[in-house]
Amino acid sequence: MKNNKKAKKINEKLKEISKEKKMDLSSDQDLSLALMNLISIEEHFVFSGSKTGKNKYYDLAIEVREIRKDLLKEIVTDYEGEVWCISKHLLAGAMRLMEVGTKQTAKGNRKKANRIFDHSYSLYSLFWAVNENAVEFEDIINKDKKKEDRKRKENRFLLNLKKKVSSLVDCCRE
């Protein structure tokens, strides 16, 4: 019953966002994907610096970080607490899972890849829900005592969220 109220509240908020600005992500979605890649570039520069012992890679990581910070401000405009870092990590996690899924596909592990891709999209959907203020953090945290019930409700919540974000996000809308 409580989850139905939460789902209804999220649904209403997403509809409101959709009416207000249609979540036209033709550029915002591209920007979010670019941000994922910038985060990966930062990571690679840091690892290259560690592997080679050359400080120039750390310097390059700092340069890329400044670009990423500047561009992230265009999407993460209204945040409290640690939403800025949460947003960055949701994008980074989504990107990494996409890469893992792609590698699993190449190995012929299609079922495993699809599961990983689904997790990637869950993180990506959470990123947009958090940054469009469509979800209250209390709606994400489930305080049920039974692990099975909690897992089932979390899955239902994420499934509903992914469907709503998918219906509102249209990268081809111009």
N, C-alpha and C. Protein backbone atom coordinates (compact mmCIF):
# COMPACT_ATOMS: atom_id res chain seq x y z
N MET A 1 0.83 -1.19 0.00
CA MET A 1 0.00 0.00 0.00
C MET A 1 0.87 1.26 0.00
N LYS A 2 1.88 1.24 0.89
CA LYS A 2 2.77 2.38 0.99
C LYS A 2 3.55 2.57 -0.31
N ASN A 3 3.99 1.46 -0.92
CA ASN A 3 4.74 1.54 -2.18
C ASN A 3 3.86 2.06 -3.31
N ASN A 4 2.57 1.71 -3.30
CA ASN A 4 1.65 2.22 -4.32
C ASN A 4 1.56 3.74 -4.25
N LYS A 5 1.52 4.28 -3.04
CA LYS A 5 1.48 5.73 -2.87
C LYS A 5 2.76 6.37 -3.39
N LYS A 6 3.90 5.72 -3.09
CA LYS A 6 5.18 6.24 -3.57
C LYS A 6 5.23 6.21 -5.09
N ALA A 7 4.80 5.09 -5.68
CA ALA A 7 4.81 4.96 -7.14
C ALA A 7 3.91 6.00 -7.77
N LYS A 8 2.75 6.22 -7.17
CA LYS A 8 1.81 7.22 -7.69
C LYS A 8 2.42 8.62 -7.61
N LYS A 9 3.09 8.92 -6.51
CA LYS A 9 3.74 10.22 -6.32
C LYS A 9 4.84 10.43 -7.37
N ILE A 10 5.66 9.40 -7.59
CA ILE A 10 6.73 9.48 -8.59
C ILE A 10 6.13 9.68 -9.97
N ASN A 11 5.07 8.90 -10.27
CA ASN A 11 4.41 8.99 -11.57
C ASN A 11 3.88 10.40 -11.82
N GLU A 12 3.24 10.98 -10.81
CA GLU A 12 2.71 12.34 -10.93
C GLU A 12 3.83 13.36 -11.16
N LYS A 13 4.92 13.21 -10.43
CA LYS A 13 6.04 14.13 -10.56
C LYS A 13 6.67 14.03 -11.96
N LEU A 14 6.83 12.81 -12.45
CA LEU A 14 7.39 12.62 -13.79
C LEU A 14 6.47 13.18 -14.87
N LYS A 15 5.16 13.03 -14.70
CA LYS A 15 4.21 13.62 -15.65
C LYS A 15 4.32 15.14 -15.64
N GLU A 16 4.46 15.70 -14.44
CA GLU A 16 4.60 17.15 -14.31
C GLU A 16 5.87 17.63 -15.02
N ILE A 17 6.97 16.93 -14.82
CA ILE A 17 8.22 17.28 -15.49
C ILE A 17 8.05 17.18 -16.99
N SER A 18 7.39 16.13 -17.42
CA SER A 18 7.18 15.91 -18.85
C SER A 18 6.41 17.06 -19.47
N LYS A 19 5.36 17.52 -18.80
CA LYS A 19 4.56 18.63 -19.31
C LYS A 19 5.36 19.93 -19.32
N GLU A 20 6.17 20.14 -18.27
CA GLU A 20 6.92 21.38 -18.15
C GLU A 20 7.99 21.52 -19.22
N LYS A 21 8.78 20.47 -19.42
CA LYS A 21 9.89 20.64 -20.36
C LYS A 21 10.13 19.42 -21.22
N LYS A 22 9.23 18.47 -21.19
CA LYS A 22 9.30 17.29 -22.05
C LYS A 22 10.62 16.52 -21.92
N MET A 23 11.40 16.83 -20.90
CA MET A 23 12.69 16.16 -20.71
C MET A 23 13.37 15.94 -22.06
N ASP A 24 13.44 16.98 -22.85
CA ASP A 24 14.08 16.89 -24.16
C ASP A 24 15.56 16.69 -23.95
N LEU A 25 15.96 15.45 -24.03
CA LEU A 25 17.34 15.13 -23.74
C LEU A 25 18.17 14.90 -24.99
N SER A 26 17.70 15.43 -26.09
CA SER A 26 18.51 15.24 -27.29
C SER A 26 19.91 15.78 -27.04
N SER A 27 20.02 16.89 -26.32
CA SER A 27 21.36 17.38 -25.97
C SER A 27 21.75 16.96 -24.56
N ASP A 28 20.82 16.97 -23.62
CA ASP A 28 21.15 16.57 -22.25
C ASP A 28 21.57 15.11 -22.17
N GLN A 29 20.91 14.25 -22.94
CA GLN A 29 21.30 12.85 -22.93
C GLN A 29 22.69 12.68 -23.54
N ASP A 30 22.95 13.37 -24.63
CA ASP A 30 24.29 13.33 -25.21
C ASP A 30 25.32 13.83 -24.21
N LEU A 31 24.98 14.90 -23.51
CA LEU A 31 25.89 15.45 -22.52
C LEU A 31 26.13 14.44 -21.39
N SER A 32 25.09 13.76 -20.94
CA SER A 32 25.26 12.78 -19.87
C SER A 32 26.18 11.64 -20.31
N LEU A 33 26.06 11.23 -21.57
CA LEU A 33 26.94 10.18 -22.09
C LEU A 33 28.37 10.69 -22.24
N ALA A 34 28.51 11.95 -22.65
CA ALA A 34 29.85 12.55 -22.72
C ALA A 34 30.47 12.61 -21.33
N LEU A 35 29.66 12.95 -20.34
CA LEU A 35 30.16 13.00 -18.96
C LEU A 35 30.64 11.63 -18.50
N MET A 36 29.90 10.58 -18.90
CA MET A 36 30.35 9.22 -18.56
C MET A 36 31.75 8.99 -19.12
N ASN A 37 31.95 9.39 -20.35
CA ASN A 37 33.25 9.18 -20.98
C ASN A 37 34.34 10.05 -20.35
N LEU A 38 34.00 11.25 -19.96
CA LEU A 38 34.98 12.10 -19.29
C LEU A 38 35.42 11.48 -17.96
N ILE A 39 34.47 10.91 -17.23
CA ILE A 39 34.81 10.23 -15.98
C ILE A 39 35.76 9.07 -16.27
N SER A 40 35.48 8.32 -17.33
CA SER A 40 36.36 7.21 -17.71
C SER A 40 37.75 7.71 -18.11
N ILE A 41 37.79 8.82 -18.82
CA ILE A 41 39.09 9.38 -19.22
C ILE A 41 39.90 9.76 -17.97
N GLU A 42 39.23 10.39 -17.00
CA GLU A 42 39.91 10.72 -15.74
C GLU A 42 40.53 9.47 -15.12
N GLU A 43 39.72 8.41 -15.05
CA GLU A 43 40.19 7.15 -14.46
C GLU A 43 41.40 6.62 -15.22
N HIS A 44 41.33 6.61 -16.54
CA HIS A 44 42.43 6.08 -17.34
C HIS A 44 43.71 6.90 -17.17
N PHE A 45 43.58 8.23 -17.09
CA PHE A 45 44.76 9.04 -16.87
C PHE A 45 45.40 8.73 -15.52
N VAL A 46 44.57 8.56 -14.50
CA VAL A 46 45.11 8.24 -13.17
C VAL A 46 45.80 6.88 -13.19
N PHE A 47 45.17 5.89 -13.79
CA PHE A 47 45.80 4.57 -13.86
C PHE A 47 47.07 4.60 -14.71
N SER A 48 47.05 5.36 -15.80
CA SER A 48 48.26 5.48 -16.62
C SER A 48 49.39 6.13 -15.84
N GLY A 49 49.05 7.15 -15.05
CA GLY A 49 50.06 7.78 -14.20
C GLY A 49 50.64 6.80 -13.20
N SER A 50 49.78 5.99 -12.61
CA SER A 50 50.24 5.00 -11.64
C SER A 50 51.09 3.91 -12.31
N LYS A 51 50.65 3.45 -13.46
CA LYS A 51 51.37 2.38 -14.15
C LYS A 51 52.72 2.83 -14.69
N THR A 52 52.79 4.06 -15.19
CA THR A 52 54.02 4.54 -15.83
C THR A 52 54.91 5.35 -14.89
N GLY A 53 54.33 5.84 -13.80
CA GLY A 53 55.09 6.70 -12.89
C GLY A 53 55.28 8.10 -13.45
N LYS A 54 54.53 8.44 -14.48
CA LYS A 54 54.66 9.76 -15.12
C LYS A 54 53.55 10.69 -14.62
N ASN A 55 53.97 11.78 -14.01
CA ASN A 55 53.02 12.74 -13.43
C ASN A 55 52.20 13.46 -14.48
N LYS A 56 52.64 13.49 -15.72
CA LYS A 56 51.90 14.21 -16.75
C LYS A 56 50.48 13.65 -16.89
N TYR A 57 50.31 12.36 -16.63
CA TYR A 57 48.97 11.76 -16.72
C TYR A 57 48.05 12.27 -15.60
N TYR A 58 48.62 12.49 -14.43
CA TYR A 58 47.83 13.07 -13.34
C TYR A 58 47.41 14.49 -13.69
N ASP A 59 48.31 15.23 -14.29
CA ASP A 59 47.99 16.60 -14.72
C ASP A 59 46.86 16.60 -15.75
N LEU A 60 46.93 15.66 -16.68
CA LEU A 60 45.87 15.55 -17.69
C LEU A 60 44.54 15.16 -17.05
N ALA A 61 44.59 14.30 -16.04
CA ALA A 61 43.36 13.92 -15.32
C ALA A 61 42.72 15.14 -14.68
N ILE A 62 43.54 16.02 -14.14
CA ILE A 62 43.02 17.25 -13.51
C ILE A 62 42.36 18.14 -14.56
N GLU A 63 42.96 18.24 -15.73
CA GLU A 63 42.38 19.05 -16.80
C GLU A 63 41.02 18.50 -17.23
N VAL A 64 40.96 17.19 -17.41
CA VAL A 64 39.69 16.56 -17.81
C VAL A 64 38.65 16.72 -16.70
N ARG A 65 39.09 16.60 -15.45
CA ARG A 65 38.17 16.76 -14.31
C ARG A 65 37.53 18.14 -14.32
N GLU A 66 38.31 19.17 -14.63
CA GLU A 66 37.76 20.54 -14.68
C GLU A 66 36.70 20.66 -15.77
N ILE A 67 36.94 20.06 -16.90
CA ILE A 67 35.94 20.07 -17.99
C ILE A 67 34.68 19.33 -17.52
N ARG A 68 34.88 18.15 -16.91
CA ARG A 68 33.74 17.36 -16.44
C ARG A 68 32.94 18.13 -15.40
N LYS A 69 33.60 18.78 -14.46
CA LYS A 69 32.90 19.56 -13.43
C LYS A 69 32.08 20.68 -14.06
N ASP A 70 32.68 21.38 -15.01
CA ASP A 70 31.99 22.48 -15.68
C ASP A 70 30.73 21.98 -16.40
N LEU A 71 30.85 20.88 -17.12
CA LEU A 71 29.72 20.37 -17.89
C LEU A 71 28.65 19.71 -17.01
N LEU A 72 29.07 19.09 -15.91
CA LEU A 72 28.11 18.45 -15.02
C LEU A 72 27.15 19.48 -14.42
N LYS A 73 27.62 20.71 -14.27
CA LYS A 73 26.77 21.79 -13.74
C LYS A 73 25.56 22.05 -14.63
N GLU A 74 25.65 21.70 -15.89
CA GLU A 74 24.53 21.93 -16.80
C GLU A 74 23.37 20.96 -16.55
N ILE A 75 23.67 19.82 -15.98
CA ILE A 75 22.61 18.84 -15.70
C ILE A 75 22.28 18.81 -14.22
N VAL A 76 23.29 18.81 -13.38
CA VAL A 76 23.08 18.76 -11.93
C VAL A 76 23.02 20.21 -11.45
N THR A 77 21.82 20.78 -11.55
CA THR A 77 21.67 22.22 -11.29
C THR A 77 21.15 22.51 -9.89
N ASP A 78 20.39 21.60 -9.33
CA ASP A 78 19.78 21.84 -8.03
C ASP A 78 20.05 20.62 -7.16
N TYR A 79 21.00 20.75 -6.28
CA TYR A 79 21.35 19.58 -5.49
C TYR A 79 21.55 19.95 -4.04
N GLU A 80 21.39 18.93 -3.22
CA GLU A 80 21.62 19.09 -1.80
C GLU A 80 22.47 17.92 -1.33
N GLY A 81 23.05 18.07 -0.18
CA GLY A 81 23.84 16.98 0.36
C GLY A 81 24.90 16.51 -0.61
N GLU A 82 24.86 15.24 -0.92
CA GLU A 82 25.88 14.65 -1.79
C GLU A 82 25.35 14.29 -3.17
N VAL A 83 24.29 14.96 -3.61
CA VAL A 83 23.69 14.66 -4.91
C VAL A 83 24.69 14.86 -6.05
N TRP A 84 25.57 15.84 -5.92
CA TRP A 84 26.58 16.06 -6.95
C TRP A 84 27.43 14.79 -7.13
N CYS A 85 27.96 14.29 -6.03
CA CYS A 85 28.82 13.09 -6.09
C CYS A 85 28.00 11.85 -6.45
N ILE A 86 26.81 11.76 -5.92
CA ILE A 86 25.94 10.63 -6.27
C ILE A 86 25.72 10.61 -7.77
N SER A 87 25.46 11.77 -8.35
CA SER A 87 25.21 11.86 -9.78
C SER A 87 26.43 11.40 -10.57
N LYS A 88 27.60 11.87 -10.16
CA LYS A 88 28.83 11.48 -10.85
C LYS A 88 29.02 9.96 -10.76
N HIS A 89 28.78 9.39 -9.60
CA HIS A 89 28.99 7.96 -9.42
C HIS A 89 27.91 7.12 -10.12
N LEU A 90 26.69 7.63 -10.20
CA LEU A 90 25.66 6.92 -10.96
C LEU A 90 26.05 6.85 -12.43
N LEU A 91 26.54 7.95 -12.98
CA LEU A 91 26.99 7.94 -14.38
C LEU A 91 28.20 7.03 -14.56
N ALA A 92 29.15 7.11 -13.64
CA ALA A 92 30.34 6.27 -13.74
C ALA A 92 29.97 4.79 -13.65
N GLY A 93 29.09 4.46 -12.70
CA GLY A 93 28.65 3.06 -12.56
C GLY A 93 27.92 2.57 -13.79
N ALA A 94 27.05 3.41 -14.34
CA ALA A 94 26.31 3.04 -15.55
C ALA A 94 27.28 2.77 -16.70
N MET A 95 28.28 3.64 -16.85
CA MET A 95 29.26 3.48 -17.93
C MET A 95 30.07 2.20 -17.77
N ARG A 96 30.55 1.97 -16.57
CA ARG A 96 31.35 0.77 -16.32
C ARG A 96 30.52 -0.49 -16.59
N LEU A 97 29.28 -0.49 -16.14
CA LEU A 97 28.44 -1.67 -16.37
C LEU A 97 28.16 -1.88 -17.85
N MET A 98 28.02 -0.78 -18.60
CA MET A 98 27.85 -0.92 -20.06
C MET A 98 29.08 -1.61 -20.65
N GLU A 99 30.25 -1.21 -20.21
CA GLU A 99 31.47 -1.81 -20.73
C GLU A 99 31.58 -3.28 -20.36
N VAL A 100 31.22 -3.61 -19.12
CA VAL A 100 31.24 -5.01 -18.68
C VAL A 100 30.24 -5.82 -19.50
N GLY A 101 29.06 -5.28 -19.71
CA GLY A 101 28.04 -5.96 -20.51
C GLY A 101 28.50 -6.19 -21.94
N THR A 102 29.16 -5.19 -22.51
CA THR A 102 29.68 -5.33 -23.87
C THR A 102 30.72 -6.44 -23.95
N LYS A 103 31.59 -6.51 -22.95
CA LYS A 103 32.61 -7.57 -22.92
C LYS A 103 31.96 -8.95 -22.76
N GLN A 104 30.90 -9.02 -21.94
CA GLN A 104 30.20 -10.29 -21.77
C GLN A 104 29.52 -10.72 -23.08
N THR A 105 28.98 -9.74 -23.81
CA THR A 105 28.37 -10.03 -25.11
C THR A 105 29.42 -10.61 -26.06
N ALA A 106 30.60 -9.98 -26.09
CA ALA A 106 31.68 -10.45 -26.96
C ALA A 106 32.12 -11.87 -26.61
N LYS A 107 32.00 -12.23 -25.33
CA LYS A 107 32.36 -13.58 -24.88
C LYS A 107 31.25 -14.59 -25.16
N GLY A 108 30.11 -14.09 -25.63
CA GLY A 108 28.98 -14.97 -25.90
C GLY A 108 28.06 -15.19 -24.71
N ASN A 109 28.27 -14.43 -23.65
CA ASN A 109 27.43 -14.56 -22.45
C ASN A 109 26.27 -13.56 -22.51
N ARG A 110 25.37 -13.78 -23.45
CA ARG A 110 24.29 -12.84 -23.73
C ARG A 110 23.37 -12.64 -22.52
N LYS A 111 23.03 -13.71 -21.83
CA LYS A 111 22.12 -13.60 -20.68
C LYS A 111 22.75 -12.75 -19.57
N LYS A 112 24.01 -13.01 -19.28
CA LYS A 112 24.72 -12.23 -18.26
C LYS A 112 24.86 -10.78 -18.71
N ALA A 113 25.18 -10.57 -19.99
CA ALA A 113 25.32 -9.22 -20.53
C ALA A 113 24.01 -8.44 -20.39
N ASN A 114 22.90 -9.07 -20.72
CA ASN A 114 21.60 -8.39 -20.64
C ASN A 114 21.28 -7.99 -19.20
N ARG A 115 21.62 -8.86 -18.25
CA ARG A 115 21.38 -8.54 -16.83
C ARG A 115 22.23 -7.33 -16.43
N ILE A 116 23.47 -7.31 -16.87
CA ILE A 116 24.37 -6.20 -16.54
C ILE A 116 23.91 -4.92 -17.23
N PHE A 117 23.49 -5.00 -18.49
CA PHE A 117 22.95 -3.83 -19.19
C PHE A 117 21.73 -3.28 -18.45
N ASP A 118 20.89 -4.16 -17.94
CA ASP A 118 19.71 -3.74 -17.19
C ASP A 118 20.11 -2.98 -15.93
N HIS A 119 21.13 -3.45 -15.24
CA HIS A 119 21.63 -2.73 -14.06
C HIS A 119 22.19 -1.37 -14.46
N SER A 120 22.87 -1.32 -15.59
CA SER A 120 23.41 -0.06 -16.09
C SER A 120 22.28 0.94 -16.31
N TYR A 121 21.22 0.48 -16.95
CA TYR A 121 20.10 1.39 -17.22
C TYR A 121 19.38 1.79 -15.94
N SER A 122 19.36 0.91 -14.95
CA SER A 122 18.78 1.28 -13.65
C SER A 122 19.54 2.46 -13.05
N LEU A 123 20.86 2.39 -13.09
CA LEU A 123 21.66 3.50 -12.55
C LEU A 123 21.44 4.77 -13.35
N TYR A 124 21.37 4.64 -14.66
CA TYR A 124 21.14 5.79 -15.53
C TYR A 124 19.76 6.42 -15.25
N SER A 125 18.77 5.58 -15.05
CA SER A 125 17.43 6.07 -14.72
C SER A 125 17.42 6.77 -13.37
N LEU A 126 18.12 6.21 -12.41
CA LEU A 126 18.22 6.87 -11.10
C LEU A 126 18.89 8.24 -11.23
N PHE A 127 19.91 8.32 -12.08
CA PHE A 127 20.57 9.60 -12.31
C PHE A 127 19.56 10.66 -12.75
N TRP A 128 18.73 10.33 -13.74
CA TRP A 128 17.76 11.31 -14.25
C TRP A 128 16.66 11.58 -13.23
N ALA A 129 16.22 10.56 -12.53
CA ALA A 129 15.17 10.76 -11.53
C ALA A 129 15.66 11.68 -10.42
N VAL A 130 16.87 11.46 -9.95
CA VAL A 130 17.43 12.30 -8.89
C VAL A 130 17.62 13.73 -9.37
N ASN A 131 18.09 13.90 -10.60
CA ASN A 131 18.40 15.24 -11.08
C ASN A 131 17.20 15.98 -11.66
N GLU A 132 16.12 15.32 -11.84
CA GLU A 132 14.89 16.00 -12.23
C GLU A 132 13.95 16.13 -11.03
N ASN A 133 14.48 15.83 -9.84
CA ASN A 133 13.73 15.91 -8.59
C ASN A 133 12.43 15.12 -8.64
N ALA A 134 12.44 14.01 -9.37
CA ALA A 134 11.25 13.19 -9.49
C ALA A 134 11.15 12.17 -8.37
N VAL A 135 12.25 11.97 -7.66
CA VAL A 135 12.28 10.94 -6.63
C VAL A 135 12.83 11.53 -5.34
N GLU A 136 12.13 11.28 -4.28
CA GLU A 136 12.63 11.63 -2.96
C GLU A 136 13.50 10.47 -2.50
N PHE A 137 14.59 10.75 -1.83
CA PHE A 137 15.46 9.67 -1.39
C PHE A 137 14.74 8.69 -0.48
N GLU A 138 13.77 9.18 0.25
CA GLU A 138 12.99 8.30 1.12
C GLU A 138 12.23 7.26 0.29
N ASP A 139 11.90 7.60 -0.96
CA ASP A 139 11.20 6.67 -1.83
C ASP A 139 12.11 5.54 -2.30
N ILE A 140 13.40 5.79 -2.32
CA ILE A 140 14.34 4.79 -2.78
C ILE A 140 14.70 3.83 -1.64
N ILE A 141 14.83 4.38 -0.46
CA ILE A 141 15.22 3.57 0.69
C ILE A 141 14.02 2.79 1.17
N ASN A 142 14.17 1.49 1.25
CA ASN A 142 13.09 0.63 1.68
C ASN A 142 13.44 0.06 3.04
N LYS A 143 12.60 0.27 4.01
CA LYS A 143 12.93 -0.12 5.37
C LYS A 143 12.24 -1.42 5.80
N ASP A 144 11.76 -2.20 4.84
CA ASP A 144 11.13 -3.47 5.19
C ASP A 144 12.13 -4.38 5.88
N LYS A 145 11.64 -5.17 6.82
CA LYS A 145 12.52 -6.05 7.57
C LYS A 145 12.83 -7.33 6.82
N LYS A 146 11.89 -7.83 6.04
CA LYS A 146 12.11 -9.09 5.32
C LYS A 146 12.89 -8.81 4.05
N LYS A 147 14.02 -9.49 3.92
CA LYS A 147 14.90 -9.27 2.77
C LYS A 147 14.20 -9.56 1.45
N GLU A 148 13.43 -10.63 1.39
CA GLU A 148 12.73 -10.99 0.14
C GLU A 148 11.75 -9.90 -0.26
N ASP A 149 10.96 -9.42 0.70
CA ASP A 149 10.00 -8.35 0.41
C ASP A 149 10.71 -7.09 -0.05
N ARG A 150 11.80 -6.75 0.62
CA ARG A 150 12.55 -5.55 0.27
C ARG A 150 13.09 -5.66 -1.16
N LYS A 151 13.67 -6.80 -1.49
CA LYS A 151 14.24 -7.00 -2.83
C LYS A 151 13.15 -6.92 -3.89
N ARG A 152 12.01 -7.55 -3.65
CA ARG A 152 10.91 -7.53 -4.61
C ARG A 152 10.40 -6.11 -4.81
N LYS A 153 10.26 -5.35 -3.73
CA LYS A 153 9.77 -3.98 -3.83
C LYS A 153 10.79 -3.08 -4.53
N GLU A 154 12.09 -3.30 -4.24
CA GLU A 154 13.12 -2.51 -4.92
C GLU A 154 13.09 -2.77 -6.41
N ASN A 155 12.94 -4.05 -6.79
CA ASN A 155 12.87 -4.39 -8.21
C ASN A 155 11.67 -3.73 -8.87
N ARG A 156 10.52 -3.74 -8.19
CA ARG A 156 9.32 -3.10 -8.72
C ARG A 156 9.52 -1.61 -8.87
N PHE A 157 10.16 -1.00 -7.87
CA PHE A 157 10.42 0.43 -7.90
C PHE A 157 11.31 0.78 -9.09
N LEU A 158 12.42 0.05 -9.26
CA LEU A 158 13.34 0.35 -10.35
C LEU A 158 12.70 0.08 -11.70
N LEU A 159 11.91 -0.97 -11.80
CA LEU A 159 11.23 -1.27 -13.06
C LEU A 159 10.29 -0.13 -13.43
N ASN A 160 9.51 0.33 -12.47
CA ASN A 160 8.59 1.45 -12.71
C ASN A 160 9.37 2.71 -13.09
N LEU A 161 10.46 2.96 -12.38
CA LEU A 161 11.26 4.14 -12.66
C LEU A 161 11.85 4.08 -14.07
N LYS A 162 12.40 2.94 -14.46
CA LYS A 162 12.99 2.81 -15.80
C LYS A 162 11.94 3.01 -16.88
N LYS A 163 10.73 2.47 -16.66
CA LYS A 163 9.66 2.65 -17.64
C LYS A 163 9.29 4.12 -17.78
N LYS A 164 9.19 4.81 -16.64
CA LYS A 164 8.79 6.22 -16.68
C LYS A 164 9.87 7.07 -17.34
N VAL A 165 11.12 6.86 -16.96
CA VAL A 165 12.20 7.64 -17.55
C VAL A 165 12.29 7.34 -19.04
N SER A 166 12.14 6.08 -19.42
CA SER A 166 12.19 5.71 -20.84
C SER A 166 11.09 6.40 -21.64
N SER A 167 9.91 6.52 -21.04
CA SER A 167 8.81 7.15 -21.77
C SER A 167 9.00 8.66 -21.90
N LEU A 168 9.75 9.26 -20.98
CA LEU A 168 9.95 10.71 -21.01
C LEU A 168 11.21 11.12 -21.74
N VAL A 169 12.21 10.26 -21.70
CA VAL A 169 13.49 10.58 -22.32
C VAL A 169 13.44 10.17 -23.78
N ASP A 170 13.62 11.15 -24.63
CA ASP A 170 13.62 10.86 -26.06
C ASP A 170 14.78 11.60 -26.69
N CYS A 171 15.86 10.87 -26.93
CA CYS A 171 17.06 11.52 -27.46
C CYS A 171 16.86 11.96 -28.90
N CYS A 172 15.81 11.52 -29.55
CA CYS A 172 15.59 11.89 -30.94
C CYS A 172 14.65 13.09 -31.09
N ARG A 173 14.10 13.56 -29.98
CA ARG A 173 13.21 14.72 -30.04
C ARG A 173 14.05 15.96 -30.29
N GLU A 174 13.64 16.75 -31.24
CA GLU A 174 14.42 17.96 -31.56
C GLU A 174 13.62 19.21 -31.31
